[in-house]
C-alpha cells in the first residue's frame, strides 16, 4: 500500500516550498522547545523538530534540478519558436536521459512510444504550440493506448488544457505536461545534447 500525503498538510506544503523554509521551521521548533519546555522535556521537544529536517532534505533533493521561473519563461518562448524537428529531437534526448527507450511513431495521436521497466507510455508532443488542447485529442490518445496495450499516455502543450481535458486526465491513465514540465524537459534535453 502506497502512502498518500494530503495536499493540504503542513508537510506537503513544505515539500512544495523552497527547501530552506523547512530548515527555518525546524530551527524555530527547536528554539521554542528549548526555551519554553521544562528541562525534563527539552530534549524530547527539540527532537520534535527532526521531521522538519527530513522534509527539508527531501525538498532539497526534489528541487536540486528544478529551474527558475525566468528560465521556464525563456524556455517556453524558445519552444514556441522551434519547428517540430528541433523540438522533437530535444524531447527525445530528454526522455532518453531519463532512462526511457524512445521510438518515434509515424501516425496517429501519439508521436513517441517510450518504455521503461516494461511499461510503455504513448506521448503526444506535436500539439505543443496549440493554444488549447481539448478532451477529444485526449480521447484519441487513450484509444491508441488501449489498442496498443500501453500502460499510460502523456500529452504536452504550452497552451491550456480545457476543463473537460483536465477532468478526463484525472480519471484516466494520462499525464498532462504544461509549460513548466516542457521547459524542464527542454532544459534536460539541451543538457543531454551538449553533455
N, C-alpha and C. Protein backbone atom coordinates (compact mmCIF):
# COMPACT_ATOMS: atom_id res chain seq x y z
N UNK A 1 0.84 -1.18 0.00
CA UNK A 1 0.00 0.00 0.00
C UNK A 1 0.88 1.24 0.00
N UNK A 2 0.60 2.15 -0.94
CA UNK A 2 1.39 3.37 -1.04
C UNK A 2 0.75 4.47 -0.21
N UNK A 3 1.57 5.11 0.62
CA UNK A 3 1.08 6.19 1.48
C UNK A 3 0.88 7.44 0.64
N UNK A 4 -0.25 8.10 0.76
CA UNK A 4 -0.54 9.35 0.04
C UNK A 4 -0.73 10.46 1.06
N UNK A 5 0.13 11.46 0.99
CA UNK A 5 0.07 12.60 1.91
C UNK A 5 -1.00 13.58 1.43
N UNK A 6 -1.76 14.13 2.35
CA UNK A 6 -2.76 15.14 2.00
C UNK A 6 -2.06 16.36 1.41
N UNK A 7 -2.59 16.87 0.28
CA UNK A 7 -2.01 18.04 -0.37
C UNK A 7 -2.06 19.27 0.52
N UNK A 8 -2.97 19.27 1.51
CA UNK A 8 -3.14 20.44 2.38
C UNK A 8 -2.34 20.35 3.67
N UNK A 9 -1.66 19.23 3.90
CA UNK A 9 -0.92 19.07 5.15
C UNK A 9 0.29 20.01 5.18
N UNK A 10 0.76 20.29 6.38
CA UNK A 10 1.93 21.14 6.55
C UNK A 10 3.13 20.55 5.82
N UNK A 11 3.33 19.23 5.93
CA UNK A 11 4.49 18.60 5.30
C UNK A 11 4.41 18.68 3.78
N UNK A 12 3.20 18.50 3.22
CA UNK A 12 3.05 18.63 1.76
C UNK A 12 3.35 20.06 1.32
N UNK A 13 2.87 21.03 2.09
CA UNK A 13 3.14 22.44 1.78
C UNK A 13 4.64 22.72 1.84
N UNK A 14 5.30 22.17 2.85
CA UNK A 14 6.74 22.38 2.98
C UNK A 14 7.51 21.71 1.84
N UNK A 15 7.04 20.55 1.38
CA UNK A 15 7.71 19.89 0.25
C UNK A 15 7.63 20.73 -1.02
N UNK A 16 6.55 21.52 -1.16
CA UNK A 16 6.39 22.38 -2.33
C UNK A 16 7.15 23.69 -2.18
N UNK A 17 7.52 24.05 -0.94
CA UNK A 17 8.21 25.30 -0.66
C UNK A 17 9.71 25.13 -0.89
N UNK A 18 10.44 26.25 -0.99
CA UNK A 18 11.90 26.14 -1.08
C UNK A 18 12.43 25.35 0.12
N UNK A 19 13.46 24.56 -0.08
CA UNK A 19 13.97 23.64 0.95
C UNK A 19 14.32 24.35 2.26
N UNK A 20 14.85 25.58 2.15
CA UNK A 20 15.32 26.27 3.35
C UNK A 20 14.18 26.64 4.30
N UNK A 21 12.93 26.71 3.81
CA UNK A 21 11.79 27.02 4.68
C UNK A 21 11.65 25.94 5.75
N UNK A 22 11.82 24.68 5.36
CA UNK A 22 11.72 23.58 6.32
C UNK A 22 12.79 23.70 7.40
N UNK A 23 13.99 24.13 7.00
CA UNK A 23 15.06 24.28 7.98
C UNK A 23 14.76 25.42 8.95
N UNK A 24 14.13 26.49 8.46
CA UNK A 24 13.73 27.58 9.35
C UNK A 24 12.68 27.12 10.36
N UNK A 25 11.70 26.33 9.87
CA UNK A 25 10.66 25.78 10.76
C UNK A 25 11.32 24.88 11.80
N UNK A 26 12.25 24.03 11.37
CA UNK A 26 12.95 23.13 12.29
C UNK A 26 13.68 23.93 13.37
N UNK A 27 14.38 24.97 12.95
CA UNK A 27 15.11 25.81 13.89
C UNK A 27 14.16 26.48 14.88
N UNK A 28 13.04 27.01 14.38
CA UNK A 28 12.06 27.67 15.24
C UNK A 28 11.47 26.69 16.26
N UNK A 29 11.10 25.48 15.82
CA UNK A 29 10.54 24.47 16.73
C UNK A 29 11.57 24.12 17.81
N UNK A 30 12.81 23.90 17.40
CA UNK A 30 13.86 23.54 18.35
C UNK A 30 14.11 24.67 19.35
N UNK A 31 14.16 25.92 18.88
CA UNK A 31 14.41 27.06 19.77
C UNK A 31 13.26 27.27 20.75
N UNK A 32 12.03 27.18 20.25
CA UNK A 32 10.86 27.36 21.13
C UNK A 32 10.82 26.24 22.18
N UNK A 33 11.05 24.99 21.74
CA UNK A 33 11.05 23.86 22.68
C UNK A 33 12.16 24.05 23.72
N UNK A 34 13.33 24.46 23.25
CA UNK A 34 14.46 24.66 24.18
C UNK A 34 14.22 25.78 25.16
N UNK A 35 13.51 26.81 24.72
CA UNK A 35 13.29 27.98 25.58
C UNK A 35 12.11 27.82 26.53
N UNK A 36 11.06 27.14 26.09
CA UNK A 36 9.82 27.14 26.87
C UNK A 36 9.54 25.86 27.67
N UNK A 37 10.10 24.75 27.27
CA UNK A 37 9.78 23.50 27.96
C UNK A 37 10.63 23.32 29.21
N UNK A 38 10.08 22.64 30.23
CA UNK A 38 10.89 22.33 31.42
C UNK A 38 12.08 21.44 31.01
N UNK A 39 13.14 21.50 31.82
CA UNK A 39 14.37 20.77 31.50
C UNK A 39 14.11 19.30 31.16
N UNK A 40 13.21 18.65 31.88
CA UNK A 40 12.96 17.22 31.69
C UNK A 40 12.41 16.93 30.29
N UNK A 41 11.80 17.93 29.66
CA UNK A 41 11.15 17.70 28.34
C UNK A 41 11.85 18.40 27.17
N UNK A 42 12.90 19.16 27.48
CA UNK A 42 13.56 19.93 26.42
C UNK A 42 14.07 19.04 25.29
N UNK A 43 14.76 17.98 25.63
CA UNK A 43 15.33 17.11 24.59
C UNK A 43 14.23 16.51 23.72
N UNK A 44 13.18 15.98 24.37
CA UNK A 44 12.07 15.39 23.61
C UNK A 44 11.41 16.45 22.73
N UNK A 45 11.22 17.64 23.26
CA UNK A 45 10.59 18.72 22.50
C UNK A 45 11.44 19.14 21.31
N UNK A 46 12.75 19.21 21.54
CA UNK A 46 13.65 19.60 20.45
C UNK A 46 13.71 18.51 19.37
N UNK A 47 13.55 17.25 19.77
CA UNK A 47 13.53 16.16 18.79
C UNK A 47 12.29 16.25 17.90
N UNK A 48 11.27 16.95 18.38
CA UNK A 48 10.07 17.16 17.56
C UNK A 48 10.36 17.95 16.29
N UNK A 49 11.50 18.60 16.25
CA UNK A 49 11.89 19.36 15.06
C UNK A 49 12.48 18.45 13.98
N UNK A 50 12.83 17.21 14.34
CA UNK A 50 13.50 16.30 13.40
C UNK A 50 12.73 16.07 12.10
N UNK A 51 11.39 15.86 12.15
CA UNK A 51 10.67 15.66 10.87
C UNK A 51 10.85 16.82 9.89
N UNK A 52 11.03 18.04 10.41
CA UNK A 52 11.22 19.19 9.53
C UNK A 52 12.59 19.13 8.84
N UNK A 53 13.58 18.54 9.54
CA UNK A 53 14.88 18.31 8.91
C UNK A 53 14.72 17.33 7.75
N UNK A 54 13.98 16.25 7.99
CA UNK A 54 13.76 15.23 6.95
C UNK A 54 13.05 15.85 5.74
N UNK A 55 12.00 16.63 6.00
CA UNK A 55 11.25 17.28 4.92
C UNK A 55 12.15 18.26 4.16
N UNK A 56 12.98 18.99 4.87
CA UNK A 56 13.91 19.93 4.23
C UNK A 56 14.88 19.21 3.31
N UNK A 57 15.41 18.08 3.77
CA UNK A 57 16.34 17.29 2.94
C UNK A 57 15.60 16.74 1.71
N UNK A 58 14.36 16.25 1.92
CA UNK A 58 13.57 15.74 0.79
C UNK A 58 13.27 16.85 -0.22
N UNK A 59 12.90 18.03 0.27
CA UNK A 59 12.59 19.15 -0.61
C UNK A 59 13.84 19.56 -1.39
N UNK A 60 14.99 19.61 -0.71
CA UNK A 60 16.24 19.98 -1.39
C UNK A 60 16.57 18.96 -2.48
N UNK A 61 16.36 17.69 -2.19
CA UNK A 61 16.64 16.63 -3.17
C UNK A 61 15.73 16.79 -4.39
N UNK A 62 14.45 17.03 -4.16
CA UNK A 62 13.49 17.21 -5.26
C UNK A 62 13.81 18.46 -6.09
N UNK A 63 14.29 19.50 -5.42
CA UNK A 63 14.50 20.79 -6.09
C UNK A 63 15.89 20.93 -6.70
N UNK A 64 16.74 19.93 -6.54
CA UNK A 64 18.13 20.07 -6.98
C UNK A 64 18.26 20.36 -8.47
N UNK A 65 17.34 19.84 -9.30
CA UNK A 65 17.42 20.08 -10.74
C UNK A 65 16.32 21.01 -11.25
N UNK A 66 15.56 21.59 -10.33
CA UNK A 66 14.46 22.46 -10.74
C UNK A 66 15.02 23.74 -11.36
N UNK A 67 14.26 24.29 -12.28
CA UNK A 67 14.72 25.51 -12.94
C UNK A 67 13.86 26.69 -12.48
N UNK A 68 14.43 27.89 -12.58
CA UNK A 68 13.76 29.09 -12.08
C UNK A 68 12.59 29.49 -12.99
N UNK A 69 11.72 30.35 -12.47
CA UNK A 69 10.57 30.85 -13.23
C UNK A 69 11.04 31.61 -14.48
N UNK A 70 12.11 32.38 -14.35
CA UNK A 70 12.65 33.12 -15.51
C UNK A 70 13.15 32.16 -16.58
N UNK A 71 13.79 31.09 -16.14
CA UNK A 71 14.30 30.08 -17.09
C UNK A 71 13.13 29.35 -17.75
N UNK A 72 12.06 29.09 -17.00
CA UNK A 72 10.87 28.46 -17.57
C UNK A 72 10.29 29.37 -18.66
N UNK A 73 10.17 30.68 -18.36
CA UNK A 73 9.65 31.64 -19.34
C UNK A 73 10.52 31.67 -20.60
N UNK A 74 11.83 31.72 -20.43
CA UNK A 74 12.75 31.78 -21.57
C UNK A 74 12.65 30.50 -22.42
N UNK A 75 12.57 29.34 -21.76
CA UNK A 75 12.48 28.08 -22.50
C UNK A 75 11.13 27.93 -23.18
N UNK A 76 10.08 28.48 -22.57
CA UNK A 76 8.75 28.44 -23.18
C UNK A 76 8.74 29.26 -24.46
N UNK A 77 9.34 30.46 -24.42
CA UNK A 77 9.45 31.31 -25.61
C UNK A 77 10.26 30.58 -26.68
N UNK A 78 11.35 29.95 -26.27
CA UNK A 78 12.20 29.20 -27.20
C UNK A 78 11.42 28.06 -27.83
N UNK A 79 10.64 27.33 -27.03
CA UNK A 79 9.86 26.19 -27.54
C UNK A 79 8.84 26.65 -28.58
N UNK A 80 8.20 27.80 -28.31
CA UNK A 80 7.20 28.32 -29.25
C UNK A 80 7.82 28.69 -30.60
N UNK A 81 9.10 29.05 -30.58
CA UNK A 81 9.77 29.48 -31.82
C UNK A 81 10.37 28.30 -32.60
N UNK A 82 10.40 27.12 -32.01
CA UNK A 82 11.03 25.97 -32.65
C UNK A 82 10.09 25.28 -33.63
N UNK A 83 10.68 24.65 -34.62
CA UNK A 83 9.93 23.77 -35.52
C UNK A 83 9.83 22.39 -34.88
N UNK A 84 8.95 21.56 -35.42
CA UNK A 84 8.73 20.22 -34.87
C UNK A 84 10.01 19.41 -34.84
N UNK A 85 10.81 19.47 -35.91
CA UNK A 85 12.02 18.64 -35.99
C UNK A 85 12.95 18.90 -34.80
N UNK A 86 13.26 20.19 -34.55
CA UNK A 86 14.17 20.53 -33.45
C UNK A 86 13.55 20.23 -32.09
N UNK A 87 12.27 20.57 -31.93
CA UNK A 87 11.59 20.32 -30.66
C UNK A 87 11.54 18.82 -30.36
N UNK A 88 11.22 18.02 -31.37
CA UNK A 88 11.11 16.57 -31.15
C UNK A 88 12.46 15.95 -30.78
N UNK A 89 13.53 16.48 -31.35
CA UNK A 89 14.87 15.97 -31.01
C UNK A 89 15.19 16.26 -29.54
N UNK A 90 14.85 17.49 -29.08
CA UNK A 90 15.09 17.85 -27.68
C UNK A 90 14.28 16.95 -26.74
N UNK A 91 13.00 16.74 -27.07
CA UNK A 91 12.14 15.89 -26.24
C UNK A 91 12.70 14.46 -26.20
N UNK A 92 13.08 13.97 -27.36
CA UNK A 92 13.63 12.61 -27.44
C UNK A 92 14.89 12.47 -26.59
N UNK A 93 15.79 13.45 -26.69
CA UNK A 93 17.02 13.43 -25.89
C UNK A 93 16.72 13.44 -24.39
N UNK A 94 15.76 14.30 -23.98
CA UNK A 94 15.40 14.40 -22.57
C UNK A 94 14.81 13.09 -22.05
N UNK A 95 13.96 12.47 -22.85
CA UNK A 95 13.35 11.20 -22.43
C UNK A 95 14.41 10.10 -22.32
N UNK A 96 15.34 10.08 -23.26
CA UNK A 96 16.43 9.08 -23.19
C UNK A 96 17.28 9.31 -21.94
N UNK A 97 17.53 10.60 -21.63
CA UNK A 97 18.34 10.92 -20.45
C UNK A 97 17.63 10.44 -19.18
N UNK A 98 16.29 10.41 -19.19
CA UNK A 98 15.52 9.93 -18.04
C UNK A 98 15.44 8.40 -18.01
N UNK A 99 16.11 7.74 -18.94
CA UNK A 99 16.18 6.28 -18.91
C UNK A 99 15.13 5.57 -19.74
N UNK A 100 14.42 6.30 -20.60
CA UNK A 100 13.41 5.68 -21.45
C UNK A 100 14.03 5.21 -22.76
N UNK A 101 13.53 4.09 -23.27
CA UNK A 101 13.80 3.69 -24.65
C UNK A 101 12.73 4.43 -25.46
N UNK A 102 13.15 5.14 -26.50
CA UNK A 102 12.23 6.01 -27.26
C UNK A 102 12.11 5.51 -28.69
N UNK A 103 10.86 5.40 -29.15
CA UNK A 103 10.60 5.04 -30.55
C UNK A 103 9.63 6.07 -31.12
N UNK A 104 10.01 6.65 -32.26
CA UNK A 104 9.12 7.62 -32.93
C UNK A 104 8.00 6.87 -33.63
N UNK A 105 6.81 7.46 -33.59
CA UNK A 105 5.66 6.88 -34.26
C UNK A 105 5.33 7.75 -35.48
N UNK A 106 4.94 7.12 -36.56
CA UNK A 106 4.70 7.84 -37.81
C UNK A 106 3.34 8.49 -37.93
N UNK A 107 2.34 7.92 -37.30
CA UNK A 107 0.99 8.48 -37.46
C UNK A 107 0.18 8.25 -36.21
N UNK A 108 -1.01 8.86 -36.17
CA UNK A 108 -1.88 8.71 -35.01
C UNK A 108 -1.70 9.84 -34.03
N UNK A 109 -2.42 9.78 -32.91
CA UNK A 109 -2.37 10.88 -31.94
C UNK A 109 -1.08 10.93 -31.13
N UNK A 110 -0.34 9.82 -31.08
CA UNK A 110 0.92 9.79 -30.31
C UNK A 110 2.11 9.97 -31.25
N UNK A 111 3.13 10.66 -30.75
CA UNK A 111 4.32 10.92 -31.54
C UNK A 111 5.50 10.04 -31.13
N UNK A 112 5.47 9.60 -29.87
CA UNK A 112 6.53 8.73 -29.36
C UNK A 112 5.92 7.59 -28.56
N UNK A 113 6.62 6.47 -28.58
CA UNK A 113 6.32 5.38 -27.67
C UNK A 113 7.56 5.26 -26.80
N UNK A 114 7.40 5.43 -25.50
CA UNK A 114 8.55 5.33 -24.61
C UNK A 114 8.35 4.14 -23.68
N UNK A 115 9.46 3.50 -23.31
CA UNK A 115 9.36 2.31 -22.49
C UNK A 115 10.43 2.34 -21.40
N UNK A 116 10.01 1.99 -20.20
CA UNK A 116 10.94 1.91 -19.06
C UNK A 116 10.37 0.88 -18.10
N UNK A 117 11.20 -0.02 -17.64
CA UNK A 117 10.79 -1.07 -16.69
C UNK A 117 9.60 -1.87 -17.22
N UNK A 118 9.56 -2.11 -18.53
CA UNK A 118 8.50 -2.91 -19.12
C UNK A 118 7.18 -2.17 -19.29
N UNK A 119 7.12 -0.90 -18.94
CA UNK A 119 5.90 -0.12 -19.07
C UNK A 119 6.00 0.83 -20.26
N UNK A 120 5.02 0.73 -21.14
CA UNK A 120 5.01 1.55 -22.35
C UNK A 120 4.06 2.73 -22.14
N UNK A 121 4.54 3.92 -22.51
CA UNK A 121 3.74 5.14 -22.46
C UNK A 121 3.73 5.77 -23.84
N UNK A 122 2.54 6.18 -24.28
CA UNK A 122 2.43 6.90 -25.54
C UNK A 122 2.50 8.39 -25.24
N UNK A 123 3.28 9.13 -26.04
CA UNK A 123 3.48 10.56 -25.79
C UNK A 123 3.01 11.37 -27.00
N UNK A 124 2.10 12.30 -26.74
CA UNK A 124 1.65 13.25 -27.75
C UNK A 124 2.38 14.55 -27.51
N UNK A 125 3.22 14.96 -28.47
CA UNK A 125 4.02 16.17 -28.30
C UNK A 125 3.82 17.17 -29.44
N UNK A 126 3.25 16.72 -30.57
CA UNK A 126 3.17 17.56 -31.76
C UNK A 126 2.28 18.78 -31.58
N UNK A 127 1.38 18.75 -30.59
CA UNK A 127 0.49 19.90 -30.36
C UNK A 127 1.07 20.84 -29.30
N UNK A 128 2.38 20.84 -29.14
CA UNK A 128 2.99 21.64 -28.08
C UNK A 128 2.72 23.12 -28.25
N UNK A 129 2.45 23.59 -29.48
CA UNK A 129 2.19 25.02 -29.70
C UNK A 129 0.70 25.35 -29.68
N UNK A 130 -0.16 24.36 -29.58
CA UNK A 130 -1.61 24.61 -29.62
C UNK A 130 -2.01 25.55 -28.49
N UNK A 131 -2.90 26.49 -28.78
CA UNK A 131 -3.37 27.43 -27.75
C UNK A 131 -4.17 26.69 -26.69
N UNK A 132 -4.90 25.66 -27.12
CA UNK A 132 -5.71 24.88 -26.18
C UNK A 132 -5.79 23.44 -26.67
N UNK A 133 -5.82 22.53 -25.73
CA UNK A 133 -5.98 21.11 -26.04
C UNK A 133 -7.25 20.65 -25.34
N UNK A 134 -8.13 20.04 -26.12
CA UNK A 134 -9.41 19.60 -25.58
C UNK A 134 -9.44 18.11 -25.30
N UNK A 135 -10.57 17.69 -24.78
CA UNK A 135 -10.74 16.29 -24.39
C UNK A 135 -10.73 15.35 -25.60
N UNK A 136 -11.15 15.84 -26.78
CA UNK A 136 -11.23 14.97 -27.95
C UNK A 136 -9.87 14.38 -28.30
N UNK A 137 -8.81 15.22 -28.29
CA UNK A 137 -7.46 14.72 -28.58
C UNK A 137 -7.04 13.69 -27.53
N UNK A 138 -7.38 13.94 -26.27
CA UNK A 138 -7.03 13.00 -25.22
C UNK A 138 -7.77 11.67 -25.39
N UNK A 139 -9.03 11.74 -25.84
CA UNK A 139 -9.78 10.50 -26.09
C UNK A 139 -9.12 9.69 -27.20
N UNK A 140 -8.64 10.37 -28.25
CA UNK A 140 -7.93 9.68 -29.34
C UNK A 140 -6.66 9.03 -28.80
N UNK A 141 -5.95 9.75 -27.94
CA UNK A 141 -4.72 9.24 -27.35
C UNK A 141 -5.01 8.03 -26.46
N UNK A 142 -6.08 8.11 -25.68
CA UNK A 142 -6.47 6.98 -24.82
C UNK A 142 -6.90 5.77 -25.65
N UNK A 143 -7.56 6.01 -26.78
CA UNK A 143 -7.95 4.90 -27.67
C UNK A 143 -6.70 4.23 -28.25
N UNK A 144 -5.70 5.04 -28.61
CA UNK A 144 -4.44 4.48 -29.12
C UNK A 144 -3.73 3.68 -28.02
N UNK A 145 -3.78 4.19 -26.81
CA UNK A 145 -3.18 3.47 -25.67
C UNK A 145 -3.84 2.11 -25.51
N UNK A 146 -5.16 2.11 -25.59
CA UNK A 146 -5.94 0.88 -25.45
C UNK A 146 -5.58 -0.12 -26.55
N UNK A 147 -5.55 0.35 -27.79
CA UNK A 147 -5.30 -0.56 -28.92
C UNK A 147 -3.86 -1.08 -28.92
N UNK A 148 -2.93 -0.30 -28.40
CA UNK A 148 -1.53 -0.73 -28.36
C UNK A 148 -1.16 -1.34 -27.01
N UNK A 149 -2.13 -1.45 -26.13
CA UNK A 149 -1.95 -2.03 -24.80
C UNK A 149 -0.79 -1.36 -24.04
N UNK A 150 -0.73 -0.04 -24.16
CA UNK A 150 0.28 0.72 -23.43
C UNK A 150 -0.19 0.93 -21.99
N UNK A 151 0.75 1.19 -21.10
CA UNK A 151 0.45 1.38 -19.68
C UNK A 151 -0.25 2.72 -19.44
N UNK A 152 0.25 3.78 -20.09
CA UNK A 152 -0.31 5.11 -19.88
C UNK A 152 0.00 5.99 -21.08
N UNK A 153 -0.42 7.24 -21.01
CA UNK A 153 -0.07 8.19 -22.06
C UNK A 153 0.15 9.58 -21.48
N UNK A 154 0.84 10.40 -22.25
CA UNK A 154 1.22 11.75 -21.83
C UNK A 154 0.92 12.71 -22.98
N UNK A 155 0.39 13.86 -22.63
CA UNK A 155 0.13 14.90 -23.63
C UNK A 155 0.80 16.19 -23.16
N UNK A 156 1.59 16.80 -24.05
CA UNK A 156 2.25 18.04 -23.67
C UNK A 156 1.77 19.21 -24.52
N UNK A 157 1.61 20.36 -23.85
CA UNK A 157 1.18 21.57 -24.54
C UNK A 157 1.63 22.80 -23.76
N UNK A 158 2.06 23.81 -24.51
CA UNK A 158 2.40 25.10 -23.90
C UNK A 158 1.14 25.93 -23.68
N UNK A 159 0.04 25.51 -24.32
CA UNK A 159 -1.23 26.22 -24.16
C UNK A 159 -1.96 25.73 -22.93
N UNK A 160 -3.27 25.85 -22.97
CA UNK A 160 -4.07 25.41 -21.83
C UNK A 160 -4.80 24.13 -22.18
N UNK A 161 -5.11 23.37 -21.17
CA UNK A 161 -5.94 22.18 -21.32
C UNK A 161 -7.35 22.58 -20.90
N UNK A 162 -8.34 22.19 -21.71
CA UNK A 162 -9.72 22.52 -21.37
C UNK A 162 -10.10 21.82 -20.06
N UNK A 163 -11.13 22.33 -19.40
CA UNK A 163 -11.58 21.70 -18.15
C UNK A 163 -11.99 20.26 -18.41
N UNK A 164 -12.63 20.00 -19.57
CA UNK A 164 -13.03 18.63 -19.92
C UNK A 164 -11.79 17.74 -20.06
N UNK A 165 -10.71 18.29 -20.63
CA UNK A 165 -9.46 17.53 -20.78
C UNK A 165 -8.86 17.23 -19.41
N UNK A 166 -8.87 18.21 -18.52
CA UNK A 166 -8.33 18.03 -17.17
C UNK A 166 -9.15 16.98 -16.42
N UNK A 167 -10.47 17.07 -16.53
CA UNK A 167 -11.34 16.09 -15.86
C UNK A 167 -11.08 14.69 -16.39
N UNK A 168 -10.94 14.55 -17.71
CA UNK A 168 -10.67 13.25 -18.32
C UNK A 168 -9.33 12.70 -17.83
N UNK A 169 -8.32 13.57 -17.77
CA UNK A 169 -6.99 13.14 -17.35
C UNK A 169 -7.00 12.65 -15.90
N UNK A 170 -7.84 13.26 -15.06
CA UNK A 170 -7.89 12.86 -13.65
C UNK A 170 -8.52 11.49 -13.48
N UNK A 171 -9.32 11.06 -14.46
CA UNK A 171 -9.99 9.76 -14.37
C UNK A 171 -9.30 8.69 -15.20
N UNK A 172 -8.22 9.04 -15.90
CA UNK A 172 -7.60 8.14 -16.87
C UNK A 172 -6.10 8.03 -16.62
N UNK A 173 -5.48 7.01 -17.21
CA UNK A 173 -4.01 6.89 -17.09
C UNK A 173 -3.31 7.83 -18.08
N UNK A 174 -3.54 9.13 -17.89
CA UNK A 174 -2.94 10.12 -18.78
C UNK A 174 -2.36 11.25 -17.95
N UNK A 175 -1.18 11.70 -18.35
CA UNK A 175 -0.50 12.78 -17.65
C UNK A 175 -0.46 13.99 -18.57
N UNK A 176 -0.80 15.16 -18.05
CA UNK A 176 -0.76 16.39 -18.83
C UNK A 176 0.50 17.18 -18.46
N UNK A 177 1.29 17.53 -19.45
CA UNK A 177 2.51 18.30 -19.21
C UNK A 177 2.32 19.71 -19.76
N UNK A 178 2.40 20.70 -18.88
CA UNK A 178 2.24 22.10 -19.26
C UNK A 178 3.58 22.78 -19.47
N UNK A 179 3.58 24.12 -19.54
CA UNK A 179 4.80 24.88 -19.84
C UNK A 179 5.98 24.58 -18.90
N UNK A 180 5.74 24.48 -17.59
CA UNK A 180 6.86 24.22 -16.66
C UNK A 180 7.48 22.85 -16.92
N UNK A 181 6.63 21.83 -17.19
CA UNK A 181 7.13 20.49 -17.47
C UNK A 181 7.92 20.45 -18.78
N UNK A 182 7.38 21.15 -19.79
CA UNK A 182 8.05 21.18 -21.09
C UNK A 182 9.38 21.92 -20.97
N UNK A 183 9.40 23.02 -20.21
CA UNK A 183 10.64 23.76 -20.01
C UNK A 183 11.69 22.87 -19.33
N UNK A 184 11.27 22.09 -18.34
CA UNK A 184 12.20 21.18 -17.65
C UNK A 184 12.72 20.13 -18.64
N UNK A 185 11.82 19.59 -19.47
CA UNK A 185 12.24 18.61 -20.48
C UNK A 185 13.24 19.22 -21.45
N UNK A 186 12.97 20.45 -21.90
CA UNK A 186 13.89 21.13 -22.82
C UNK A 186 15.24 21.37 -22.16
N UNK A 187 15.20 21.78 -20.90
CA UNK A 187 16.44 22.00 -20.14
C UNK A 187 17.24 20.71 -20.07
N UNK A 188 16.55 19.61 -19.71
CA UNK A 188 17.22 18.30 -19.62
C UNK A 188 17.70 17.84 -20.99
N UNK A 189 16.87 18.06 -22.03
CA UNK A 189 17.23 17.65 -23.38
C UNK A 189 18.44 18.41 -23.90
N UNK A 190 18.48 19.71 -23.61
CA UNK A 190 19.61 20.54 -24.05
C UNK A 190 20.89 20.08 -23.35
N UNK A 191 20.77 19.72 -22.06
CA UNK A 191 21.94 19.22 -21.33
C UNK A 191 22.42 17.90 -21.91
N UNK A 192 21.48 17.04 -22.27
CA UNK A 192 21.84 15.75 -22.86
C UNK A 192 22.50 15.97 -24.23
N UNK A 193 22.00 16.96 -24.97
CA UNK A 193 22.51 17.25 -26.29
C UNK A 193 23.94 17.80 -26.23
N UNK A 194 24.19 18.65 -25.20
CA UNK A 194 25.53 19.26 -25.10
C UNK A 194 26.46 18.45 -24.23
N UNK A 195 25.87 17.57 -23.39
CA UNK A 195 26.69 16.85 -22.41
C UNK A 195 27.20 15.64 -22.93
